Amino acid sequence: MKGVTWEDIPVERITNSVERRVVWGDNGTFARLTLAGGTHVGKHSHAAEQFTCVIDGAIRLKIDEQEVLLQTGEMLVIPANAEHEAWVMEDCIVWDFFTKRRNDWEEGKNQYLDVDSK
């Protein structure tokens, strides 16, 4: 076993405005996303509970019809199966941890991320 840095993990370019690096565990997934300002992450839900922490920037989230603005250093927990979407207010780096492994990402099923900033 050896420690790694985010720079050791390959960048996956989802679109021109969304990149991610992913660490896979047996029972969880940890991701570092880089999102360009103006990007909209479409409405979606998943079986995993999601812990989101804004490392830099600002992102507005709508979770089950409730809106919240997260800025640098702020975090929240999105419940499993909660419908949510996001608007990136300014260039943003976000850490997302999921309590269940995101097999859909590994299988390339991430259409809600397949959008570009407007």
Protein backbone atom coordinates (compact mmCIF):
# COMPACT_ATOMS: atom_id res chain seq x y z
CA MET A 1 0.00 0.00 0.00
CA LYS A 2 1.30 3.44 -0.95
CA GLY A 3 -0.07 6.96 -0.57
CA VAL A 4 -0.86 8.92 -3.72
CA THR A 5 -1.54 12.55 -4.58
CA TRP A 6 -4.30 13.84 -6.86
CA GLU A 7 -1.58 14.50 -9.46
CA ASP A 8 -0.79 10.75 -9.49
CA ILE A 9 -4.36 9.99 -10.62
CA PRO A 10 -5.16 10.31 -14.34
CA VAL A 11 -7.49 13.14 -15.37
CA GLU A 12 -10.71 12.07 -17.06
CA ARG A 13 -12.01 14.86 -19.32
CA ILE A 14 -15.80 14.49 -19.35
CA THR A 15 -16.42 17.67 -21.42
CA ASN A 16 -14.58 20.92 -22.13
CA SER A 17 -15.89 22.21 -18.78
CA VAL A 18 -15.74 19.11 -16.53
CA GLU A 19 -12.71 17.05 -15.48
CA ARG A 20 -12.41 14.50 -12.72
CA ARG A 21 -9.92 12.26 -10.97
CA VAL A 22 -11.31 9.24 -9.15
CA VAL A 23 -10.09 6.99 -6.35
CA TRP A 24 -11.98 3.68 -6.26
CA GLY A 25 -12.55 1.71 -3.09
CA ASP A 26 -14.44 -1.53 -2.65
CA ASN A 27 -17.38 0.27 -1.01
CA GLY A 28 -16.94 3.94 -1.87
CA THR A 29 -15.75 6.41 -4.47
CA PHE A 30 -13.80 9.63 -3.90
CA ALA A 31 -13.53 12.18 -6.70
CA ARG A 32 -11.91 15.53 -7.36
CA LEU A 33 -13.89 17.47 -9.95
CA THR A 34 -12.77 20.61 -11.75
CA LEU A 35 -15.76 22.52 -13.11
CA ALA A 36 -15.77 25.65 -15.26
CA GLY A 37 -17.96 28.57 -14.23
CA GLY A 38 -21.31 28.49 -16.02
CA THR A 39 -21.49 24.69 -16.12
CA HIS A 40 -24.83 23.07 -15.30
CA VAL A 41 -24.80 19.53 -13.89
CA GLY A 42 -28.18 18.09 -14.85
CA LYS A 43 -30.79 16.71 -12.51
CA HIS A 44 -29.98 13.18 -11.35
CA SER A 45 -30.03 10.84 -8.37
CA HIS A 46 -28.08 7.79 -7.24
CA ALA A 47 -28.18 5.15 -4.51
CA ALA A 48 -25.03 6.50 -2.85
CA GLU A 49 -25.00 9.16 -0.16
CA GLN A 50 -22.81 12.03 -1.44
CA PHE A 51 -20.50 14.19 0.65
CA THR A 52 -19.59 17.35 -1.29
CA CYS A 53 -16.86 19.82 -0.26
CA VAL A 54 -16.00 22.94 -2.25
CA ILE A 55 -12.21 23.31 -2.20
CA ASP A 56 -12.24 26.46 -4.33
CA GLY A 57 -15.00 28.44 -6.04
CA ALA A 58 -18.77 28.44 -5.66
CA ILE A 59 -21.57 26.11 -6.70
CA ARG A 60 -25.34 26.38 -6.31
CA LEU A 61 -27.15 23.11 -5.66
CA LYS A 62 -30.82 22.24 -5.82
CA ILE A 63 -31.60 19.16 -3.74
CA ASP A 64 -35.20 17.91 -3.63
CA GLU A 65 -36.43 21.45 -4.48
CA GLN A 66 -34.25 23.14 -1.80
CA GLU A 67 -31.44 25.43 -2.98
CA VAL A 68 -28.11 26.03 -1.26
CA LEU A 69 -25.00 27.97 -2.27
CA LEU A 70 -21.69 26.37 -1.32
CA GLN A 71 -18.51 28.43 -1.37
CA THR A 72 -14.86 27.68 -0.67
CA GLY A 73 -14.50 25.57 2.48
CA GLU A 74 -18.19 24.68 2.77
CA MET A 75 -19.64 21.18 2.50
CA LEU A 76 -22.88 19.27 2.76
CA VAL A 77 -24.30 15.77 2.56
CA ILE A 78 -26.73 14.87 -0.21
CA PRO A 79 -28.94 11.97 0.92
CA ALA A 80 -29.03 8.74 -1.09
CA ASN A 81 -31.64 8.82 -3.87
CA ALA A 82 -32.23 12.59 -3.51
CA GLU A 83 -32.79 14.28 -6.86
CA HIS A 84 -30.23 17.05 -7.29
CA GLU A 85 -28.58 19.34 -9.84
CA ALA A 86 -25.91 22.04 -9.74
CA TRP A 87 -24.91 25.33 -11.32
CA VAL A 88 -21.25 26.29 -11.14
CA MET A 89 -21.16 29.98 -10.21
CA GLU A 90 -17.41 30.37 -10.78
CA ASP A 91 -14.56 28.02 -11.66
CA CYS A 92 -14.68 25.37 -8.98
CA ILE A 93 -12.77 22.46 -7.48
CA VAL A 94 -15.01 20.04 -5.60
CA TRP A 95 -14.30 16.89 -3.65
CA ASP A 96 -17.14 14.34 -3.73
CA PHE A 97 -17.19 11.20 -1.63
CA PHE A 98 -19.85 8.55 -2.26
CA THR A 99 -20.73 5.91 0.33
CA LYS A 100 -21.35 3.32 -2.34
CA ARG A 101 -19.01 2.65 -5.21
CA ARG A 102 -20.07 4.59 -8.33
CA ASN A 103 -20.08 1.65 -10.72
CA ASP A 104 -22.10 3.77 -13.16
CA TRP A 105 -19.09 6.08 -13.53
CA GLU A 106 -16.75 3.16 -14.08
CA GLU A 107 -19.13 1.91 -16.78
CA GLY A 108 -19.14 5.35 -18.44
CA LYS A 109 -22.73 6.15 -17.45
CA ASN A 110 -22.50 9.78 -16.44
CA GLN A 111 -24.71 11.56 -18.99
CA TYR A 112 -25.75 14.22 -16.48
CA LEU A 113 -22.11 15.41 -16.56
CA ASP A 114 -22.00 15.46 -20.37
CA VAL A 115 -22.78 19.17 -20.65
CA ASP A 116 -20.63 22.18 -21.38
CA SER A 117 -20.76 25.63 -19.89
CA LYS A 118 -22.94 28.09 -21.69
